[in-house]
Structure formats: structure tokens, C-alpha cells
Amino acid sequence: MCMIVRDEEQNLAGCLESVAGLMDEIVVVDTGSTDGTRDIARQFGARVFDFPWVDSFAAARNESLRHATGDWIFCLDADERLTGESRTKLQQLLAGLDLKNKAYGMTFLYRPEPGNLLTTEVKRVRLYRHHPQVRWQNRICEDIMPDLHALGFRVEWTDITIEHIGYQDPVVRARKWERNLRLLQLDYAEDAGNPYTLFALGRMYHALERPADALLMLQRGLEHLNAGDPLGRGFHRLIVECHRLLGQTPAALAACCAARACYPLDAGLRSLEAQLREELGDLAGAESCYLHLLREQEPNSCGGLPDGLLDFWTRHQLASLYAKQGRTAEANALWPAVESLTDGVLP
């Protein structure tokens, strides 16, 4: 296993405990810790190497690869950990690995701060066959997929879930966002036409409540994105949300409908359309969207709302819509289902 760390004494033990006994070796690259991070890593049997921070997560990750000796690489960050069920699934996956050029994707669950409902799911490759030509790219939002594709690696997606807790504290989150924005701007200065950098910049400006800046980056990035790239739906969702934040509700709805022509079953776009129609007073249109969400959608397609939470959210919105229209009996028929879905779903 390969890790990069810096001042992670509050998180590192929990992370390493979650994978204890699963890895043949643990390589930890420290980029300048001033706390007990190195000692904690060594307590779990890790080999620790110092590497000066050069404003690039990819460079640090690639340094960890330089010290790895195993046939397979598994990457984990200190503020990430395996749940009990996913630990078992990963153990089974590791036991069946061979020497073929393959990679495995996993779902990363970004837990929100206490009191916030929305939990974000992101799919990333973190387990792959060790190969000297497979290296990470980008200062931030580092990516390994270009090298995997270039070398013909087969990528398979698993149902393994990794929890990410690093953005729950608002103070820590603000500090990380400031750092991430600076690194993204450096990447942008080096390659202003990279659609992945433009998407990451747009997403960061959106998070920082700078929708006009976000919209500019997203529209520019969409122009550079290859047709059929899965990230396209992410661009479209954020463009819709930026118009909405700017108070441009009709433009947001128009952008959403245009995007849904390309992704008709995308739950993220459908949920946005429902909210926009409700805001514009089209209650019948909103109801139709909510009902479609309950009947058909692409799996794991709504960034921000995992499958179980999406079902809860949709029924809640629909019940509220019925109540707003005075359709009390229909609303009351939904509330018990809404309450039952909260058990084990809410963070």
C-alpha cells in the first residue's frame, strides 16, 4: 500500500487500523509533518520516506511508487478508511489477484459536516497492477487513468466503499479548499485547455460560491472534452447548478433539459429538473420528474445523493410537493416510507 501524508496524527491510526493485516507492505511518503505522523506510521509497520512538498500531489504519489516493491499498488489517504463489509470485499479481491494488467475502481463516500444531509459519492481507481510506466498526473485531483488507458489496462469497478472524513470540519475544509484552488490555478496556467483541470476548477469555484467563475471554466472545459467522455454529465450538472446559483432559473432549466437529451436517465439531472420546475411553478412537471426518479434511473448516477439517500430525498420532495398543493392524503401515504428510509441511510 502507498500513502502520502503530512501532519495526519489525528487520522492516520484509524486509516491503518482499517487495513491492518491486508497489505504485504506499507509505503508512507511524508511531505513535511511536524507532529507524530511518522511515528504512528512506523507503529503499523510502515516504511517511511521523506519527500519535500513541491506543490504536487502527483509528484508525492509517484515518489511512493518509487519505493514500492509489490506486484500491486493500493493507494489510500490518511483521512480515508474501509468499512467492515468493504474490508472483507477488498480482502477477497486481493486474494484473487494475478499478474495481468488490470485496475479496480472503488466508491469514495465523502461524509459531510454534522447536520448536513448530502453525502457525495466519487468513483476512483485506487488498486492497480504495479507497472513502471503507470504514474500519476496533475498537481491536484491527480489522475492515473491516462497511463492505464495508454497501456491497455482493463479497468473493473467494484462495490467496495471507502469513507472519506477529511472535509467534515469546516475550518479544515476551508484550508484545504484554499490550497486546492491555488494548485488548480497552477495547473491551469500550465495547460489552459485541459478539460479535467477546467472541470476541477469549476467544481472548486462552485464550492466557494463563485458561480460566475465556475460557469466560465465549465463552459470552456466542455468545449475541450472528447465526445462520449463520462465526465460530460458532471460538466452539465454543474453548469445547471451555476445558472441556478446566479438566479438564472429559466436558463438553468433550459441547460438541464438540453443535457437530459444526452443523458435521459441521469438521476442528478432529473432531480435538478424537478427542483427547477418546482421553483418556476410547474408543479405538474416537478411531480412527473419525481415519479420518474422513483421508477427509473441509471445506478449511481446522482453525484451528491447515494442510491438509498436518493430514494429518501425523492419521496420527501414528492410528499412536500403534495402537501403544498393540499393533496394531504397522497402526502400522508408517502411520509411513513420517508421515515423508514432514514434508518441507516442518513450520515
Protein backbone atom coordinates (compact mmCIF):
# COMPACT_ATOMS: atom_id res chain seq x y z
CA MET A 1 0.00 0.00 0.00
CA CYS A 2 1.23 3.51 -0.85
CA MET A 3 0.34 6.65 1.08
CA ILE A 4 1.32 10.31 1.16
CA VAL A 5 0.89 12.19 4.44
CA ARG A 6 1.54 15.43 6.25
CA ASP A 7 0.52 16.20 9.85
CA GLU A 8 -2.05 13.40 9.95
CA GLU A 9 -1.61 12.13 13.52
CA GLN A 10 -5.35 12.61 14.15
CA ASN A 11 -6.38 10.42 11.21
CA LEU A 12 -3.58 8.02 10.37
CA ALA A 13 -4.12 5.38 13.04
CA GLY A 14 -7.79 4.95 12.13
CA CYS A 15 -6.88 4.60 8.48
CA LEU A 16 -4.15 2.00 9.05
CA GLU A 17 -6.28 0.05 11.52
CA SER A 18 -8.94 -0.33 8.83
CA VAL A 19 -6.49 -2.16 6.52
CA ALA A 20 -4.37 -3.89 9.15
CA GLY A 21 -3.32 -7.36 8.01
CA LEU A 22 -4.38 -6.88 4.40
CA MET A 23 -1.18 -5.43 2.93
CA ASP A 24 2.22 -7.04 2.36
CA GLU A 25 3.93 -3.68 2.72
CA ILE A 26 3.01 -0.10 3.61
CA VAL A 27 5.00 2.72 2.00
CA VAL A 28 4.43 6.14 3.53
CA VAL A 29 5.84 9.29 1.94
CA ASP A 30 5.84 12.20 4.37
CA THR A 31 5.91 15.69 2.84
CA GLY A 32 6.88 17.65 5.94
CA SER A 33 5.00 16.57 9.08
CA THR A 34 5.76 18.39 12.33
CA ASP A 35 3.59 16.15 14.54
CA GLY A 36 3.69 12.43 15.35
CA THR A 37 2.63 11.19 11.91
CA ARG A 38 5.88 9.36 11.14
CA ASP A 39 5.91 7.53 14.50
CA ILE A 40 2.32 6.38 14.08
CA ALA A 41 3.11 5.06 10.59
CA ARG A 42 6.09 3.10 11.88
CA GLN A 43 3.97 1.61 14.68
CA PHE A 44 1.90 -0.06 11.95
CA GLY A 45 5.00 -1.43 10.23
CA ALA A 46 5.23 1.18 7.51
CA ARG A 47 8.44 2.16 5.75
CA VAL A 48 8.54 5.95 5.94
CA PHE A 49 10.32 8.18 3.43
CA ASP A 50 10.70 11.96 3.45
CA PHE A 51 9.91 13.94 0.32
CA PRO A 52 9.84 17.75 0.08
CA TRP A 53 6.49 19.22 -0.86
CA VAL A 54 6.70 20.58 -4.43
CA ASP A 55 3.08 21.73 -4.85
CA SER A 56 2.06 18.46 -6.48
CA PHE A 57 0.15 15.53 -5.07
CA ALA A 58 1.02 13.55 -8.19
CA ALA A 59 4.76 14.02 -7.57
CA ALA A 60 4.37 12.79 -3.99
CA ARG A 61 2.32 9.77 -5.08
CA ASN A 62 4.88 8.91 -7.73
CA GLU A 63 7.62 9.09 -5.11
CA SER A 64 5.73 6.47 -3.08
CA LEU A 65 5.60 4.24 -6.17
CA ARG A 66 9.37 4.51 -6.47
CA HIS A 67 9.74 2.75 -3.11
CA ALA A 68 7.01 0.13 -3.61
CA THR A 69 8.16 -3.45 -4.23
CA GLY A 70 4.87 -5.34 -4.58
CA ASP A 71 3.15 -6.58 -7.73
CA TRP A 72 0.06 -4.48 -6.98
CA ILE A 73 -0.44 -0.92 -5.74
CA PHE A 74 -3.24 0.10 -3.40
CA CYS A 75 -3.48 3.81 -2.58
CA LEU A 76 -5.20 5.19 0.48
CA ASP A 77 -5.11 8.60 2.17
CA ALA A 78 -4.89 9.14 5.91
CA ASP A 79 -8.43 10.56 6.12
CA GLU A 80 -9.89 7.53 4.38
CA ARG A 81 -10.84 4.17 5.82
CA LEU A 82 -12.52 0.90 4.91
CA THR A 83 -15.82 -0.11 6.45
CA GLY A 84 -16.17 -3.62 7.86
CA GLU A 85 -18.04 -5.03 4.86
CA SER A 86 -15.75 -3.38 2.33
CA ARG A 87 -12.71 -4.61 4.20
CA THR A 88 -13.93 -8.17 3.66
CA LYS A 89 -14.61 -7.48 -0.02
CA LEU A 90 -11.14 -5.98 -0.51
CA GLN A 91 -9.55 -8.96 1.24
CA GLN A 92 -11.34 -11.30 -1.17
CA LEU A 93 -10.30 -9.19 -4.16
CA LEU A 94 -6.66 -9.11 -3.09
CA ALA A 95 -6.63 -12.88 -2.63
CA GLY A 96 -7.62 -13.42 -6.25
CA LEU A 97 -5.20 -11.02 -7.98
CA ASP A 98 -2.96 -12.29 -10.75
CA LEU A 99 -0.23 -10.63 -12.85
CA LYS A 100 -2.49 -9.26 -15.59
CA ASN A 101 -2.57 -5.53 -16.35
CA LYS A 102 -5.76 -4.65 -14.55
CA ALA A 103 -7.06 -1.90 -12.29
CA TYR A 104 -10.01 -1.71 -9.90
CA GLY A 105 -12.23 1.23 -9.10
CA MET A 106 -13.94 1.89 -5.79
CA THR A 107 -16.57 4.26 -4.46
CA PHE A 108 -15.39 7.04 -2.17
CA LEU A 109 -18.02 8.33 0.23
CA TYR A 110 -17.34 11.91 1.30
CA ARG A 111 -19.04 12.41 4.62
CA PRO A 112 -20.43 15.93 5.18
CA GLU A 113 -20.10 18.02 8.31
CA PRO A 114 -22.54 17.12 11.13
CA GLY A 115 -26.08 18.26 10.38
CA ASN A 116 -25.65 18.26 6.60
CA LEU A 117 -27.69 15.67 4.73
CA LEU A 118 -25.80 15.35 1.46
CA THR A 119 -23.08 12.76 1.13
CA THR A 120 -21.03 12.78 -2.05
CA GLU A 121 -20.02 9.64 -3.92
CA VAL A 122 -16.98 9.69 -6.21
CA LYS A 123 -15.61 6.72 -8.15
CA ARG A 124 -11.83 6.38 -8.38
CA VAL A 125 -9.24 3.76 -9.29
CA ARG A 126 -7.01 3.01 -6.32
CA LEU A 127 -5.87 -0.59 -6.93
CA TYR A 128 -3.81 -1.49 -9.99
CA ARG A 129 -1.02 -3.70 -11.24
CA HIS A 130 2.38 -2.21 -10.47
CA HIS A 131 3.90 -1.05 -13.76
CA PRO A 132 6.92 1.25 -14.25
CA GLN A 133 5.07 3.34 -16.83
CA VAL A 134 1.94 3.93 -14.78
CA ARG A 135 2.29 7.25 -12.99
CA TRP A 136 0.02 9.92 -11.54
CA GLN A 137 -0.60 13.25 -13.28
CA ASN A 138 -1.78 16.75 -12.16
CA ARG A 139 -0.82 18.75 -9.10
CA ILE A 140 -4.28 18.28 -7.58
CA CYS A 141 -7.18 15.95 -8.46
CA GLU A 142 -4.37 13.67 -9.55
CA ASP A 143 -5.24 11.15 -12.24
CA ILE A 144 -3.79 7.78 -13.21
CA MET A 145 -6.32 6.85 -15.90
CA PRO A 146 -4.37 8.25 -18.91
CA ASP A 147 -1.46 5.88 -18.32
CA LEU A 148 -3.77 2.94 -17.62
CA HIS A 149 -5.62 3.52 -20.87
CA ALA A 150 -2.40 4.07 -22.85
CA LEU A 151 -1.02 0.73 -21.64
CA GLY A 152 -4.22 -1.18 -22.28
CA PHE A 153 -5.12 -1.87 -18.65
CA ARG A 154 -8.54 -3.39 -18.09
CA VAL A 155 -10.45 -1.32 -15.52
CA GLU A 156 -13.16 -3.01 -13.42
CA TRP A 157 -15.45 -1.26 -10.97
CA THR A 158 -16.15 -2.90 -7.63
CA ASP A 159 -18.75 -2.39 -4.89
CA ILE A 160 -16.03 -1.60 -2.35
CA THR A 161 -16.72 1.62 -0.44
CA ILE A 162 -14.08 3.81 1.19
CA GLU A 163 -15.18 6.51 3.62
CA HIS A 164 -13.53 9.94 3.39
CA ILE A 165 -13.80 12.09 6.50
CA GLY A 166 -11.33 14.87 5.69
CA TYR A 167 -13.86 17.58 4.84
CA GLN A 168 -16.22 17.30 7.81
CA ASP A 169 -14.58 20.07 9.85
CA PRO A 170 -15.49 23.46 8.26
CA VAL A 171 -12.16 25.02 9.28
CA VAL A 172 -10.13 22.14 7.83
CA ARG A 173 -12.29 22.13 4.71
CA ALA A 174 -11.76 25.86 4.12
CA ARG A 175 -8.00 25.44 4.47
CA LYS A 176 -7.93 22.53 2.03
CA TRP A 177 -10.10 24.39 -0.48
CA GLU A 178 -7.72 27.35 -0.40
CA ARG A 179 -4.77 25.03 -1.05
CA ASN A 180 -6.61 23.12 -3.77
CA LEU A 181 -7.61 26.29 -5.59
CA ARG A 182 -4.02 27.52 -5.65
CA LEU A 183 -2.78 24.20 -7.08
CA LEU A 184 -5.55 24.09 -9.67
CA GLN A 185 -4.65 27.59 -10.81
CA LEU A 186 -1.05 26.45 -11.27
CA ASP A 187 -2.23 23.51 -13.40
CA TYR A 188 -4.46 25.86 -15.38
CA ALA A 189 -1.55 28.23 -16.03
CA GLU A 190 0.43 25.32 -17.48
CA ASP A 191 -2.40 23.91 -19.64
CA ALA A 192 -5.45 26.13 -20.02
CA GLY A 193 -7.15 23.65 -22.35
CA ASN A 194 -7.12 20.58 -20.11
CA PRO A 195 -10.82 19.68 -19.60
CA TYR A 196 -10.15 17.81 -16.36
CA THR A 197 -8.39 20.81 -14.82
CA LEU A 198 -11.19 23.07 -16.05
CA PHE A 199 -13.80 20.77 -14.51
CA ALA A 200 -11.94 20.67 -11.19
CA LEU A 201 -11.61 24.47 -11.22
CA GLY A 202 -15.30 24.84 -12.00
CA ARG A 203 -16.21 22.48 -9.18
CA MET A 204 -13.95 24.36 -6.77
CA TYR A 205 -15.36 27.78 -7.70
CA HIS A 206 -18.84 26.32 -7.30
CA ALA A 207 -17.97 25.07 -3.81
CA LEU A 208 -16.57 28.51 -2.97
CA GLU A 209 -19.87 30.08 -4.10
CA ARG A 210 -18.31 31.80 -7.10
CA PRO A 211 -20.77 30.56 -9.74
CA ALA A 212 -19.83 33.08 -12.44
CA ASP A 213 -16.18 31.97 -12.32
CA ALA A 214 -17.28 28.34 -12.19
CA LEU A 215 -19.55 28.71 -15.21
CA LEU A 216 -16.74 30.21 -17.28
CA MET A 217 -14.42 27.29 -16.51
CA LEU A 218 -17.10 24.65 -17.07
CA GLN A 219 -18.28 26.01 -20.41
CA ARG A 220 -14.70 26.26 -21.61
CA GLY A 221 -13.90 22.75 -20.38
CA LEU A 222 -16.93 21.24 -22.09
CA GLU A 223 -15.64 22.61 -25.41
CA HIS A 224 -12.37 20.69 -24.93
CA LEU A 225 -13.91 17.44 -23.67
CA ASN A 226 -13.91 14.45 -26.00
CA ALA A 227 -17.33 13.26 -27.13
CA GLY A 228 -18.56 10.37 -25.02
CA ASP A 229 -16.33 11.14 -22.04
CA PRO A 230 -18.23 10.08 -18.86
CA LEU A 231 -17.25 13.36 -17.22
CA GLY A 232 -19.62 15.13 -19.60
CA ARG A 233 -22.61 14.61 -17.34
CA GLY A 234 -20.64 16.11 -14.45
CA PHE A 235 -19.98 19.22 -16.51
CA HIS A 236 -23.66 19.54 -17.38
CA ARG A 237 -24.87 19.11 -13.79
CA LEU A 238 -22.53 21.80 -12.51
CA ILE A 239 -23.43 24.19 -15.33
CA VAL A 240 -27.09 23.84 -14.37
CA GLU A 241 -26.29 24.44 -10.71
CA CYS A 242 -24.23 27.54 -11.54
CA HIS A 243 -27.09 29.10 -13.50
CA ARG A 244 -29.32 28.35 -10.54
CA LEU A 245 -26.96 29.98 -8.05
CA LEU A 246 -26.79 33.04 -10.28
CA GLY A 247 -30.59 33.32 -10.09
CA GLN A 248 -30.95 32.33 -13.75
CA THR A 249 -33.63 29.70 -13.18
CA PRO A 250 -35.03 29.64 -16.76
CA ALA A 251 -31.50 29.32 -18.17
CA ALA A 252 -30.78 26.57 -15.65
CA LEU A 253 -33.87 24.64 -16.73
CA ALA A 254 -33.01 25.07 -20.42
CA ALA A 255 -29.47 23.79 -19.80
CA CYS A 256 -30.84 20.88 -17.78
CA CYS A 257 -33.31 19.83 -20.47
CA ALA A 258 -30.60 20.05 -23.15
CA ALA A 259 -28.31 17.86 -21.05
CA ARG A 260 -31.05 15.34 -20.38
CA ALA A 261 -31.40 14.84 -24.13
CA CYS A 262 -27.92 13.28 -23.92
CA TYR A 263 -28.42 11.55 -20.55
CA PRO A 264 -32.16 10.81 -20.29
CA LEU A 265 -31.91 8.54 -17.23
CA ASP A 266 -29.34 10.53 -15.28
CA ALA A 267 -30.75 10.92 -11.78
CA GLY A 268 -28.67 14.00 -10.99
CA LEU A 269 -30.07 15.91 -13.95
CA ARG A 270 -33.61 14.63 -13.35
CA SER A 271 -33.52 15.74 -9.70
CA LEU A 272 -32.27 19.18 -10.74
CA GLU A 273 -35.04 19.47 -13.33
CA ALA A 274 -37.62 18.60 -10.69
CA GLN A 275 -36.38 21.32 -8.35
CA LEU A 276 -36.18 23.91 -11.12
CA ARG A 277 -39.69 23.18 -12.36
CA GLU A 278 -40.99 23.46 -8.81
CA GLU A 279 -39.22 26.81 -8.38
CA LEU A 280 -40.79 28.06 -11.62
CA GLY A 281 -44.26 26.97 -10.53
CA ASP A 282 -44.53 23.98 -12.87
CA LEU A 283 -45.75 21.64 -10.16
CA ALA A 284 -47.09 19.04 -12.57
CA GLY A 285 -43.73 18.91 -14.33
CA ALA A 286 -41.91 18.61 -11.00
CA GLU A 287 -44.22 15.79 -9.92
CA SER A 288 -43.56 13.94 -13.16
CA CYS A 289 -39.80 14.18 -12.59
CA TYR A 290 -40.04 12.89 -9.03
CA LEU A 291 -42.21 9.97 -10.13
CA HIS A 292 -39.76 9.11 -12.91
CA LEU A 293 -36.92 9.16 -10.37
CA LEU A 294 -38.75 6.53 -8.33
CA ARG A 295 -39.41 4.37 -11.39
CA GLU A 296 -36.23 4.51 -13.46
CA GLN A 297 -32.71 5.89 -13.22
CA GLU A 298 -29.18 4.92 -14.01
CA PRO A 299 -27.43 3.34 -10.97
CA ASN A 300 -25.06 5.55 -9.01
CA SER A 301 -25.69 8.41 -11.38
CA CYS A 302 -26.52 11.22 -8.97
CA GLY A 303 -23.39 12.85 -7.61
CA GLY A 304 -24.20 14.06 -4.10
CA LEU A 305 -27.03 11.63 -3.41
CA PRO A 306 -26.16 7.93 -2.99
CA ASP A 307 -28.78 5.41 -4.09
CA GLY A 308 -30.51 4.93 -0.73
CA LEU A 309 -30.46 8.62 0.08
CA LEU A 310 -31.80 9.47 -3.37
CA ASP A 311 -34.88 7.34 -2.74
CA PHE A 312 -35.43 9.05 0.61
CA TRP A 313 -34.87 12.52 -0.87
CA THR A 314 -37.23 11.92 -3.81
CA ARG A 315 -40.08 10.63 -1.64
CA HIS A 316 -39.55 13.53 0.78
CA GLN A 317 -39.69 16.09 -2.04
CA LEU A 318 -42.74 14.48 -3.58
CA ALA A 319 -44.58 14.35 -0.24
CA SER A 320 -43.74 18.01 0.35
CA LEU A 321 -45.00 18.88 -3.13
CA TYR A 322 -48.29 17.10 -2.47
CA ALA A 323 -48.66 18.89 0.86
CA LYS A 324 -48.01 22.25 -0.83
CA GLN A 325 -50.89 21.51 -3.22
CA GLY A 326 -53.25 20.44 -0.43
CA ARG A 327 -53.12 16.79 -1.54
CA THR A 328 -52.95 15.65 2.06
CA ALA A 329 -53.91 12.02 1.56
CA GLU A 330 -51.20 11.48 -1.06
CA ALA A 331 -48.62 13.23 1.12
CA ASN A 332 -49.58 11.17 4.17
CA ALA A 333 -49.24 7.99 2.15
CA LEU A 334 -45.60 8.82 1.47
CA TRP A 335 -44.40 10.04 4.88
CA PRO A 336 -44.15 6.56 6.53
CA ALA A 337 -41.90 5.39 3.69
CA VAL A 338 -39.78 8.54 4.06
CA GLU A 339 -39.32 7.92 7.78
CA SER A 340 -38.45 4.26 7.30
CA LEU A 341 -35.78 5.13 4.72
CA THR A 342 -33.92 7.38 7.15
CA ASP A 343 -32.86 4.38 9.24
CA GLY A 344 -29.28 3.53 8.33
CA VAL A 345 -29.23 6.00 5.42
CA LEU A 346 -28.56 9.38 6.96
CA PRO A 347 -24.93 10.12 7.85
